[in-house]
Amino acid sequence: KSAEEHDLIRHGTRICDLGAEACVEAVAAGVPEHEVALATTQAMVRE
């Protein structure tokens, strides 16, 4: 990969981290898997 590719991939891992944070916030006993996944994905798409 080039330096420009590395820059874009760094954006990607930053957004992965943000998605994981949204997942943690959404998890609780009684919450369905799909709601956790939706909250995680929506946070990444918006970012």
All heavy atoms as atom14 arrays in JSON, in Angstrom:
{
  "sequence": "KSAEEHDLIRHGTRICDLGAEACVEAVAAGVPEHEVALATTQAMVRE",
  "atom14_mask": [
    [1, 1, 1, 1, 1, 1, 1, 1, 1, 0, 0, 0, 0, 0],
    [1, 1, 1, 1, 1, 1, 0, 0, 0, 0, 0, 0, 0, 0],
    [1, 1, 1, 1, 1, 0, 0, 0, 0, 0, 0, 0, 0, 0],
    [1, 1, 1, 1, 1, 1, 1, 1, 1, 0, 0, 0, 0, 0],
    [1, 1, 1, 1, 1, 1, 1, 1, 1, 0, 0, 0, 0, 0],
    [1, 1, 1, 1, 1, 1, 1, 1, 1, 1, 0, 0, 0, 0],
    [1, 1, 1, 1, 1, 1, 1, 1, 0, 0, 0, 0, 0, 0],
    [1, 1, 1, 1, 1, 1, 1, 1, 0, 0, 0, 0, 0, 0],
    [1, 1, 1, 1, 1, 1, 1, 1, 0, 0, 0, 0, 0, 0],
    [1, 1, 1, 1, 1, 1, 1, 1, 1, 1, 1, 0, 0, 0],
    [1, 1, 1, 1, 1, 1, 1, 1, 1, 1, 0, 0, 0, 0],
    [1, 1, 1, 1, 0, 0, 0, 0, 0, 0, 0, 0, 0, 0],
    [1, 1, 1, 1, 1, 1, 1, 0, 0, 0, 0, 0, 0, 0],
    [1, 1, 1, 1, 1, 1, 1, 1, 1, 1, 1, 0, 0, 0],
    [1, 1, 1, 1, 1, 1, 1, 1, 0, 0, 0, 0, 0, 0],
    [1, 1, 1, 1, 1, 1, 0, 0, 0, 0, 0, 0, 0, 0],
    [1, 1, 1, 1, 1, 1, 1, 1, 0, 0, 0, 0, 0, 0],
    [1, 1, 1, 1, 1, 1, 1, 1, 0, 0, 0, 0, 0, 0],
    [1, 1, 1, 1, 0, 0, 0, 0, 0, 0, 0, 0, 0, 0],
    [1, 1, 1, 1, 1, 0, 0, 0, 0, 0, 0, 0, 0, 0],
    [1, 1, 1, 1, 1, 1, 1, 1, 1, 0, 0, 0, 0, 0],
    [1, 1, 1, 1, 1, 0, 0, 0, 0, 0, 0, 0, 0, 0],
    [1, 1, 1, 1, 1, 1, 0, 0, 0, 0, 0, 0, 0, 0],
    [1, 1, 1, 1, 1, 1, 1, 0, 0, 0, 0, 0, 0, 0],
    [1, 1, 1, 1, 1, 1, 1, 1, 1, 0, 0, 0, 0, 0],
    [1, 1, 1, 1, 1, 0, 0, 0, 0, 0, 0, 0, 0, 0],
    [1, 1, 1, 1, 1, 1, 1, 0, 0, 0, 0, 0, 0, 0],
    [1, 1, 1, 1, 1, 0, 0, 0, 0, 0, 0, 0, 0, 0],
    [1, 1, 1, 1, 1, 0, 0, 0, 0, 0, 0, 0, 0, 0],
    [1, 1, 1, 1, 0, 0, 0, 0, 0, 0, 0, 0, 0, 0],
    [1, 1, 1, 1, 1, 1, 1, 0, 0, 0, 0, 0, 0, 0],
    [1, 1, 1, 1, 1, 1, 1, 0, 0, 0, 0, 0, 0, 0],
    [1, 1, 1, 1, 1, 1, 1, 1, 1, 0, 0, 0, 0, 0],
    [1, 1, 1, 1, 1, 1, 1, 1, 1, 1, 0, 0, 0, 0],
    [1, 1, 1, 1, 1, 1, 1, 1, 1, 0, 0, 0, 0, 0],
    [1, 1, 1, 1, 1, 1, 1, 0, 0, 0, 0, 0, 0, 0],
    [1, 1, 1, 1, 1, 0, 0, 0, 0, 0, 0, 0, 0, 0],
    [1, 1, 1, 1, 1, 1, 1, 1, 0, 0, 0, 0, 0, 0],
    [1, 1, 1, 1, 1, 0, 0, 0, 0, 0, 0, 0, 0, 0],
    [1, 1, 1, 1, 1, 1, 1, 0, 0, 0, 0, 0, 0, 0],
    [1, 1, 1, 1, 1, 1, 1, 0, 0, 0, 0, 0, 0, 0],
    [1, 1, 1, 1, 1, 1, 1, 1, 1, 0, 0, 0, 0, 0],
    [1, 1, 1, 1, 1, 0, 0, 0, 0, 0, 0, 0, 0, 0],
    [1, 1, 1, 1, 1, 1, 1, 1, 0, 0, 0, 0, 0, 0],
    [1, 1, 1, 1, 1, 1, 1, 0, 0, 0, 0, 0, 0, 0],
    [1, 1, 1, 1, 1, 1, 1, 1, 1, 1, 1, 0, 0, 0],
    [1, 1, 1, 1, 1, 1, 1, 1, 1, 0, 0, 0, 0, 0]
  ],
  "atom14_positions": [
    [[0.82, -1.21, 0.0], [0.0, 0.0, 0.0], [0.86, 1.26, 0.0], [1.94, 1.3, 0.57], [-0.93, 0.03, 1.22], [-2.23, -0.73, 1.05], [-2.05, -2.22, 0.96], [-3.37, -2.96, 0.81], [-3.17, -4.4, 0.74], [0.0, 0.0, 0.0], [0.0, 0.0, 0.0], [0.0, 0.0, 0.0], [0.0, 0.0, 0.0], [0.0, 0.0, 0.0]],
    [[0.32, 2.3, -0.61], [0.98, 3.6, -0.63], [0.64, 4.38, 0.63], [-0.24, 4.0, 1.42], [0.5, 4.4, -1.85], [-0.87, 4.74, -1.7], [0.0, 0.0, 0.0], [0.0, 0.0, 0.0], [0.0, 0.0, 0.0], [0.0, 0.0, 0.0], [0.0, 0.0, 0.0], [0.0, 0.0, 0.0], [0.0, 0.0, 0.0], [0.0, 0.0, 0.0]],
    [[1.3, 5.52, 0.8], [1.01, 6.39, 1.95], [-0.44, 6.88, 1.9], [-1.1, 6.99, 2.95], [1.97, 7.57, 1.96], [0.0, 0.0, 0.0], [0.0, 0.0, 0.0], [0.0, 0.0, 0.0], [0.0, 0.0, 0.0], [0.0, 0.0, 0.0], [0.0, 0.0, 0.0], [0.0, 0.0, 0.0], [0.0, 0.0, 0.0], [0.0, 0.0, 0.0]],
    [[-0.96, 7.16, 0.71], [-2.35, 7.6, 0.6], [-3.32, 6.49, 1.0], [-4.36, 6.74, 1.64], [-2.64, 8.1, -0.81], [-1.91, 9.4, -1.15], [-2.35, 10.0, -2.48], [-3.48, 9.71, -2.93], [-1.56, 10.77, -3.08], [0.0, 0.0, 0.0], [0.0, 0.0, 0.0], [0.0, 0.0, 0.0], [0.0, 0.0, 0.0], [0.0, 0.0, 0.0]],
    [[-3.0, 5.26, 0.63], [-3.83, 4.14, 1.05], [-3.77, 3.98, 2.57], [-4.8, 3.74, 3.23], [-3.38, 2.86, 0.36], [-3.69, 2.8, -1.11], [-3.18, 1.53, -1.76], [-1.96, 1.46, -2.02], [-3.98, 0.61, -1.98], [0.0, 0.0, 0.0], [0.0, 0.0, 0.0], [0.0, 0.0, 0.0], [0.0, 0.0, 0.0], [0.0, 0.0, 0.0]],
    [[-2.58, 4.1, 3.15], [-2.44, 3.99, 4.6], [-3.3, 5.04, 5.31], [-3.94, 4.75, 6.34], [-0.98, 4.15, 5.02], [-0.13, 3.0, 4.64], [1.25, 3.06, 4.62], [-0.43, 1.72, 4.26], [1.75, 1.91, 4.25], [0.76, 1.07, 4.02], [0.0, 0.0, 0.0], [0.0, 0.0, 0.0], [0.0, 0.0, 0.0], [0.0, 0.0, 0.0]],
    [[-3.33, 6.25, 4.77], [-4.15, 7.3, 5.39], [-5.62, 6.91, 5.41], [-6.31, 7.09, 6.42], [-3.98, 8.62, 4.62], [-2.63, 9.28, 4.87], [-1.95, 8.89, 5.83], [-2.27, 10.19, 4.09], [0.0, 0.0, 0.0], [0.0, 0.0, 0.0], [0.0, 0.0, 0.0], [0.0, 0.0, 0.0], [0.0, 0.0, 0.0], [0.0, 0.0, 0.0]],
    [[-6.13, 6.37, 4.3], [-7.53, 5.98, 4.25], [-7.8, 4.79, 5.18], [-8.84, 4.75, 5.86], [-7.93, 5.63, 2.82], [-9.41, 5.33, 2.6], [-10.27, 6.55, 2.95], [-9.67, 4.89, 1.16], [0.0, 0.0, 0.0], [0.0, 0.0, 0.0], [0.0, 0.0, 0.0], [0.0, 0.0, 0.0], [0.0, 0.0, 0.0], [0.0, 0.0, 0.0]],
    [[-6.87, 3.85, 5.24], [-7.05, 2.69, 6.12], [-7.04, 3.12, 7.58], [-7.78, 2.55, 8.41], [-5.95, 1.65, 5.81], [-6.21, 1.01, 4.43], [-5.88, 0.57, 6.89], [-5.07, 0.19, 3.88], [0.0, 0.0, 0.0], [0.0, 0.0, 0.0], [0.0, 0.0, 0.0], [0.0, 0.0, 0.0], [0.0, 0.0, 0.0], [0.0, 0.0, 0.0]],
    [[-6.26, 4.13, 7.92], [-6.3, 4.66, 9.29], [-7.68, 5.24, 9.62], [-8.18, 5.08, 10.74], [-5.22, 5.72, 9.49], [-3.8, 5.18, 9.52], [-2.8, 6.32, 9.63], [-1.44, 5.87, 9.41], [-0.66, 5.34, 10.36], [-1.12, 5.23, 11.6], [0.57, 4.96, 10.08], [0.0, 0.0, 0.0], [0.0, 0.0, 0.0], [0.0, 0.0, 0.0]],
    [[-8.28, 5.92, 8.67], [-9.66, 6.37, 8.88], [-10.56, 5.17, 9.17], [-11.43, 5.23, 10.05], [-10.18, 7.1, 7.63], [-9.87, 8.56, 7.59], [-10.43, 9.47, 8.46], [-9.07, 9.27, 6.76], [-9.98, 10.69, 8.17], [-9.15, 10.59, 7.16], [0.0, 0.0, 0.0], [0.0, 0.0, 0.0], [0.0, 0.0, 0.0], [0.0, 0.0, 0.0]],
    [[-10.35, 4.09, 8.43], [-11.18, 2.91, 8.62], [-11.05, 2.31, 9.99], [-12.06, 1.96, 10.63], [0.0, 0.0, 0.0], [0.0, 0.0, 0.0], [0.0, 0.0, 0.0], [0.0, 0.0, 0.0], [0.0, 0.0, 0.0], [0.0, 0.0, 0.0], [0.0, 0.0, 0.0], [0.0, 0.0, 0.0], [0.0, 0.0, 0.0], [0.0, 0.0, 0.0]],
    [[-9.83, 2.17, 10.51], [-9.67, 1.57, 11.84], [-10.2, 2.52, 12.92], [-10.73, 2.05, 13.94], [-8.2, 1.22, 12.11], [-7.37, 2.37, 11.93], [-7.74, 0.11, 11.18], [0.0, 0.0, 0.0], [0.0, 0.0, 0.0], [0.0, 0.0, 0.0], [0.0, 0.0, 0.0], [0.0, 0.0, 0.0], [0.0, 0.0, 0.0], [0.0, 0.0, 0.0]],
    [[-10.08, 3.82, 12.7], [-10.68, 4.77, 13.65], [-12.19, 4.58, 13.71], [-12.79, 4.58, 14.8], [-10.35, 6.21, 13.2], [-11.05, 7.29, 14.03], [-10.7, 8.69, 13.54], [-11.15, 8.95, 12.18], [-12.38, 9.34, 11.87], [-13.31, 9.48, 12.82], [-12.71, 9.58, 10.62], [0.0, 0.0, 0.0], [0.0, 0.0, 0.0], [0.0, 0.0, 0.0]],
    [[-12.8, 4.36, 12.57], [-14.25, 4.17, 12.53], [-14.64, 2.8, 13.08], [-15.7, 2.65, 13.71], [-14.76, 4.42, 11.1], [-14.62, 5.93, 10.79], [-16.2, 3.96, 10.93], [-14.77, 6.3, 9.34], [0.0, 0.0, 0.0], [0.0, 0.0, 0.0], [0.0, 0.0, 0.0], [0.0, 0.0, 0.0], [0.0, 0.0, 0.0], [0.0, 0.0, 0.0]],
    [[-13.78, 1.8, 12.9], [-14.0, 0.5, 13.57], [-14.08, 0.69, 15.08], [-14.97, 0.14, 15.75], [-12.86, -0.46, 13.26], [-12.88, -1.21, 11.63], [0.0, 0.0, 0.0], [0.0, 0.0, 0.0], [0.0, 0.0, 0.0], [0.0, 0.0, 0.0], [0.0, 0.0, 0.0], [0.0, 0.0, 0.0], [0.0, 0.0, 0.0], [0.0, 0.0, 0.0]],
    [[-13.14, 1.45, 15.63], [-13.12, 1.71, 17.07], [-14.41, 2.39, 17.51], [-15.01, 2.03, 18.54], [-11.93, 2.59, 17.44], [-10.59, 1.89, 17.29], [-10.57, 0.65, 17.18], [-9.57, 2.59, 17.29], [0.0, 0.0, 0.0], [0.0, 0.0, 0.0], [0.0, 0.0, 0.0], [0.0, 0.0, 0.0], [0.0, 0.0, 0.0], [0.0, 0.0, 0.0]],
    [[-14.85, 3.38, 16.74], [-16.08, 4.09, 17.08], [-17.28, 3.14, 17.04], [-18.18, 3.22, 17.89], [-16.27, 5.25, 16.09], [-17.45, 6.19, 16.3], [-17.06, 7.6, 15.86], [-18.68, 5.73, 15.51], [0.0, 0.0, 0.0], [0.0, 0.0, 0.0], [0.0, 0.0, 0.0], [0.0, 0.0, 0.0], [0.0, 0.0, 0.0], [0.0, 0.0, 0.0]],
    [[-17.3, 2.25, 16.06], [-18.38, 1.27, 15.99], [-18.41, 0.36, 17.21], [-19.48, 0.06, 17.75], [0.0, 0.0, 0.0], [0.0, 0.0, 0.0], [0.0, 0.0, 0.0], [0.0, 0.0, 0.0], [0.0, 0.0, 0.0], [0.0, 0.0, 0.0], [0.0, 0.0, 0.0], [0.0, 0.0, 0.0], [0.0, 0.0, 0.0], [0.0, 0.0, 0.0]],
    [[-17.22, -0.08, 17.64], [-17.16, -0.93, 18.83], [-17.66, -0.19, 20.07], [-18.34, -0.78, 20.93], [-15.74, -1.42, 19.04], [0.0, 0.0, 0.0], [0.0, 0.0, 0.0], [0.0, 0.0, 0.0], [0.0, 0.0, 0.0], [0.0, 0.0, 0.0], [0.0, 0.0, 0.0], [0.0, 0.0, 0.0], [0.0, 0.0, 0.0], [0.0, 0.0, 0.0]],
    [[-17.34, 1.08, 20.16], [-17.85, 1.88, 21.28], [-19.38, 1.94, 21.26], [-20.04, 1.83, 22.3], [-17.26, 3.29, 21.22], [-15.76, 3.34, 21.5], [-15.16, 4.68, 21.17], [-15.92, 5.6, 20.77], [-13.92, 4.83, 21.29], [0.0, 0.0, 0.0], [0.0, 0.0, 0.0], [0.0, 0.0, 0.0], [0.0, 0.0, 0.0], [0.0, 0.0, 0.0]],
    [[-19.96, 2.1, 20.07], [-21.42, 2.13, 19.95], [-22.02, 0.78, 20.33], [-23.1, 0.72, 20.94], [-21.82, 2.51, 18.53], [0.0, 0.0, 0.0], [0.0, 0.0, 0.0], [0.0, 0.0, 0.0], [0.0, 0.0, 0.0], [0.0, 0.0, 0.0], [0.0, 0.0, 0.0], [0.0, 0.0, 0.0], [0.0, 0.0, 0.0], [0.0, 0.0, 0.0]],
    [[-21.33, -0.29, 19.98], [-21.79, -1.63, 20.35], [-21.87, -1.78, 21.86], [-22.87, -2.25, 22.41], [-20.86, -2.67, 19.75], [-21.14, -4.36, 20.33], [0.0, 0.0, 0.0], [0.0, 0.0, 0.0], [0.0, 0.0, 0.0], [0.0, 0.0, 0.0], [0.0, 0.0, 0.0], [0.0, 0.0, 0.0], [0.0, 0.0, 0.0], [0.0, 0.0, 0.0]],
    [[-20.8, -1.38, 22.53], [-20.75, -1.5, 24.0], [-21.9, -0.71, 24.63], [-22.55, -1.17, 25.58], [-19.39, -1.02, 24.52], [-19.41, -0.87, 26.04], [-18.3, -2.0, 24.11], [0.0, 0.0, 0.0], [0.0, 0.0, 0.0], [0.0, 0.0, 0.0], [0.0, 0.0, 0.0], [0.0, 0.0, 0.0], [0.0, 0.0, 0.0], [0.0, 0.0, 0.0]],
    [[-22.18, 0.46, 24.1], [-23.27, 1.28, 24.64], [-24.63, 0.63, 24.43], [-25.55, 0.83, 25.24], [-23.24, 2.65, 23.99], [-22.03, 3.49, 24.38], [-22.0, 4.82, 23.64], [-22.96, 5.11, 22.9], [-21.0, 5.56, 23.8], [0.0, 0.0, 0.0], [0.0, 0.0, 0.0], [0.0, 0.0, 0.0], [0.0, 0.0, 0.0], [0.0, 0.0, 0.0]],
    [[-24.77, -0.15, 23.36], [-26.07, -0.73, 23.02], [-26.35, -2.05, 23.72], [-27.5, -2.46, 23.84], [-26.17, -0.94, 21.51], [0.0, 0.0, 0.0], [0.0, 0.0, 0.0], [0.0, 0.0, 0.0], [0.0, 0.0, 0.0], [0.0, 0.0, 0.0], [0.0, 0.0, 0.0], [0.0, 0.0, 0.0], [0.0, 0.0, 0.0], [0.0, 0.0, 0.0]],
    [[-25.3, -2.73, 24.2], [-25.48, -4.08, 24.76], [-26.1, -4.01, 26.16], [-25.66, -3.24, 27.02], [-24.13, -4.82, 24.82], [-24.24, -6.07, 25.7], [-23.67, -5.21, 23.43], [0.0, 0.0, 0.0], [0.0, 0.0, 0.0], [0.0, 0.0, 0.0], [0.0, 0.0, 0.0], [0.0, 0.0, 0.0], [0.0, 0.0, 0.0], [0.0, 0.0, 0.0]],
    [[-27.09, -4.84, 26.35], [-27.68, -5.07, 27.68], [-28.5, -6.34, 27.59], [-28.97, -6.72, 26.5], [-28.56, -3.9, 28.13], [0.0, 0.0, 0.0], [0.0, 0.0, 0.0], [0.0, 0.0, 0.0], [0.0, 0.0, 0.0], [0.0, 0.0, 0.0], [0.0, 0.0, 0.0], [0.0, 0.0, 0.0], [0.0, 0.0, 0.0], [0.0, 0.0, 0.0]],
    [[-28.66, -7.01, 28.7], [-29.5, -8.2, 28.72], [-30.91, -7.82, 28.26], [-31.47, -6.81, 28.68], [-29.54, -8.8, 30.12], [0.0, 0.0, 0.0], [0.0, 0.0, 0.0], [0.0, 0.0, 0.0], [0.0, 0.0, 0.0], [0.0, 0.0, 0.0], [0.0, 0.0, 0.0], [0.0, 0.0, 0.0], [0.0, 0.0, 0.0], [0.0, 0.0, 0.0]],
    [[-31.46, -8.62, 27.35], [-32.79, -8.37, 26.83], [-32.83, -7.63, 25.51], [-33.88, -7.53, 24.88], [0.0, 0.0, 0.0], [0.0, 0.0, 0.0], [0.0, 0.0, 0.0], [0.0, 0.0, 0.0], [0.0, 0.0, 0.0], [0.0, 0.0, 0.0], [0.0, 0.0, 0.0], [0.0, 0.0, 0.0], [0.0, 0.0, 0.0], [0.0, 0.0, 0.0]],
    [[-31.69, -7.1, 25.06], [-31.63, -6.4, 23.78], [-31.33, -7.42, 22.68], [-30.41, -8.23, 22.82], [-30.54, -5.31, 23.8], [-30.42, -4.64, 22.43], [-30.85, -4.27, 24.87], [0.0, 0.0, 0.0], [0.0, 0.0, 0.0], [0.0, 0.0, 0.0], [0.0, 0.0, 0.0], [0.0, 0.0, 0.0], [0.0, 0.0, 0.0], [0.0, 0.0, 0.0]],
    [[-32.05, -7.42, 21.57], [-31.78, -8.39, 20.51], [-30.49, -8.07, 19.75], [-30.08, -6.91, 19.65], [-33.0, -8.29, 19.59], [-33.6, -6.96, 19.86], [-33.27, -6.63, 21.29], [0.0, 0.0, 0.0], [0.0, 0.0, 0.0], [0.0, 0.0, 0.0], [0.0, 0.0, 0.0], [0.0, 0.0, 0.0], [0.0, 0.0, 0.0], [0.0, 0.0, 0.0]],
    [[-29.88, -9.11, 19.22], [-28.64, -8.94, 18.46], [-28.78, -7.89, 17.37], [-27.88, -7.06, 17.16], [-28.23, -10.28, 17.82], [-27.73, -11.32, 18.78], [-27.35, -12.63, 18.07], [-27.46, -12.69, 16.83], [-26.96, -13.58, 18.76], [0.0, 0.0, 0.0], [0.0, 0.0, 0.0], [0.0, 0.0, 0.0], [0.0, 0.0, 0.0], [0.0, 0.0, 0.0]],
    [[-29.91, -7.92, 16.65], [-30.02, -7.03, 15.5], [-30.04, -5.57, 15.91], [-29.56, -4.71, 15.17], [-31.24, -7.38, 14.64], [-32.56, -7.09, 15.27], [-33.21, -7.99, 16.08], [-33.36, -5.99, 15.22], [-34.36, -7.47, 16.49], [-34.47, -6.25, 15.99], [0.0, 0.0, 0.0], [0.0, 0.0, 0.0], [0.0, 0.0, 0.0], [0.0, 0.0, 0.0]],
    [[-30.57, -5.26, 17.08], [-30.58, -3.86, 17.52], [-29.17, -3.39, 17.87], [-28.8, -2.24, 17.6], [-31.51, -3.69, 18.72], [-32.98, -3.84, 18.39], [-33.49, -2.75, 17.44], [-32.84, -1.7, 17.33], [-34.55, -2.97, 16.81], [0.0, 0.0, 0.0], [0.0, 0.0, 0.0], [0.0, 0.0, 0.0], [0.0, 0.0, 0.0], [0.0, 0.0, 0.0]],
    [[-28.37, -4.27, 18.45], [-26.97, -3.92, 18.73], [-26.23, -3.69, 17.42], [-25.48, -2.72, 17.26], [-26.29, -5.02, 19.56], [-24.81, -4.69, 19.78], [-27.01, -5.21, 20.89], [0.0, 0.0, 0.0], [0.0, 0.0, 0.0], [0.0, 0.0, 0.0], [0.0, 0.0, 0.0], [0.0, 0.0, 0.0], [0.0, 0.0, 0.0], [0.0, 0.0, 0.0]],
    [[-26.43, -4.59, 16.46], [-25.75, -4.47, 15.17], [-26.17, -3.2, 14.44], [-25.34, -2.5, 13.84], [-26.03, -5.69, 14.31], [0.0, 0.0, 0.0], [0.0, 0.0, 0.0], [0.0, 0.0, 0.0], [0.0, 0.0, 0.0], [0.0, 0.0, 0.0], [0.0, 0.0, 0.0], [0.0, 0.0, 0.0], [0.0, 0.0, 0.0], [0.0, 0.0, 0.0]],
    [[-27.47, -2.87, 14.48], [-27.94, -1.66, 13.82], [-27.32, -0.41, 14.43], [-26.89, 0.5, 13.72], [-29.47, -1.58, 13.9], [-30.25, -2.49, 12.96], [-31.73, -2.49, 13.33], [-30.06, -2.07, 11.51], [0.0, 0.0, 0.0], [0.0, 0.0, 0.0], [0.0, 0.0, 0.0], [0.0, 0.0, 0.0], [0.0, 0.0, 0.0], [0.0, 0.0, 0.0]],
    [[-27.28, -0.35, 15.75], [-26.69, 0.82, 16.41], [-25.22, 0.96, 16.05], [-24.72, 2.08, 15.85], [-26.86, 0.69, 17.93], [0.0, 0.0, 0.0], [0.0, 0.0, 0.0], [0.0, 0.0, 0.0], [0.0, 0.0, 0.0], [0.0, 0.0, 0.0], [0.0, 0.0, 0.0], [0.0, 0.0, 0.0], [0.0, 0.0, 0.0], [0.0, 0.0, 0.0]],
    [[-24.53, -0.17, 15.97], [-23.1, -0.16, 15.63], [-22.89, 0.32, 14.2], [-22.05, 1.2, 13.93], [-22.52, -1.56, 15.82], [-22.79, -2.02, 17.15], [-21.03, -1.58, 15.57], [0.0, 0.0, 0.0], [0.0, 0.0, 0.0], [0.0, 0.0, 0.0], [0.0, 0.0, 0.0], [0.0, 0.0, 0.0], [0.0, 0.0, 0.0], [0.0, 0.0, 0.0]],
    [[-23.64, -0.24, 13.28], [-23.49, 0.12, 11.87], [-23.87, 1.57, 11.63], [-23.17, 2.3, 10.89], [-24.34, -0.81, 11.0], [-23.91, -2.16, 11.18], [-24.23, -0.44, 9.52], [0.0, 0.0, 0.0], [0.0, 0.0, 0.0], [0.0, 0.0, 0.0], [0.0, 0.0, 0.0], [0.0, 0.0, 0.0], [0.0, 0.0, 0.0], [0.0, 0.0, 0.0]],
    [[-24.97, 2.02, 12.22], [-25.39, 3.4, 12.02], [-24.35, 4.4, 12.51], [-24.1, 5.43, 11.87], [-26.72, 3.64, 12.72], [-27.9, 2.97, 12.03], [-29.18, 3.03, 12.84], [-29.2, 3.52, 13.98], [-30.26, 2.53, 12.28], [0.0, 0.0, 0.0], [0.0, 0.0, 0.0], [0.0, 0.0, 0.0], [0.0, 0.0, 0.0], [0.0, 0.0, 0.0]],
    [[-23.71, 4.09, 13.63], [-22.66, 4.98, 14.13], [-21.51, 5.09, 13.14], [-20.97, 6.18, 12.91], [-22.16, 4.48, 15.48], [0.0, 0.0, 0.0], [0.0, 0.0, 0.0], [0.0, 0.0, 0.0], [0.0, 0.0, 0.0], [0.0, 0.0, 0.0], [0.0, 0.0, 0.0], [0.0, 0.0, 0.0], [0.0, 0.0, 0.0], [0.0, 0.0, 0.0]],
    [[-21.14, 3.96, 12.53], [-20.03, 3.98, 11.57], [-20.42, 4.72, 10.29], [-19.63, 5.53, 9.77], [-19.6, 2.55, 11.26], [-18.94, 1.84, 12.43], [-18.16, 0.27, 11.96], [-19.6, -0.74, 11.59], [0.0, 0.0, 0.0], [0.0, 0.0, 0.0], [0.0, 0.0, 0.0], [0.0, 0.0, 0.0], [0.0, 0.0, 0.0], [0.0, 0.0, 0.0]],
    [[-21.62, 4.47, 9.77], [-22.05, 5.13, 8.54], [-22.09, 6.64, 8.73], [-21.64, 7.41, 7.87], [-23.41, 4.59, 8.09], [-23.99, 5.44, 6.95], [-23.29, 3.13, 7.64], [0.0, 0.0, 0.0], [0.0, 0.0, 0.0], [0.0, 0.0, 0.0], [0.0, 0.0, 0.0], [0.0, 0.0, 0.0], [0.0, 0.0, 0.0], [0.0, 0.0, 0.0]],
    [[-22.62, 7.08, 9.85], [-22.7, 8.52, 10.09], [-21.3, 9.14, 10.2], [-21.07, 10.26, 9.73], [-23.5, 8.78, 11.36], [-24.99, 8.46, 11.21], [-25.79, 8.83, 12.44], [-27.2, 8.62, 12.22], [-27.95, 7.73, 12.89], [-27.39, 6.99, 13.85], [-29.23, 7.6, 12.62], [0.0, 0.0, 0.0], [0.0, 0.0, 0.0], [0.0, 0.0, 0.0]],
    [[-20.37, 8.42, 10.81], [-19.01, 8.95, 10.93], [-18.32, 8.99, 9.56], [-17.6, 9.96, 9.26], [-18.2, 8.11, 11.9], [-16.78, 8.62, 12.14], [-16.72, 10.0, 12.77], [-17.73, 10.42, 13.38], [-15.66, 10.66, 12.66], [0.0, 0.0, 0.0], [0.0, 0.0, 0.0], [0.0, 0.0, 0.0], [0.0, 0.0, 0.0], [0.0, 0.0, 0.0]]
  ]
}
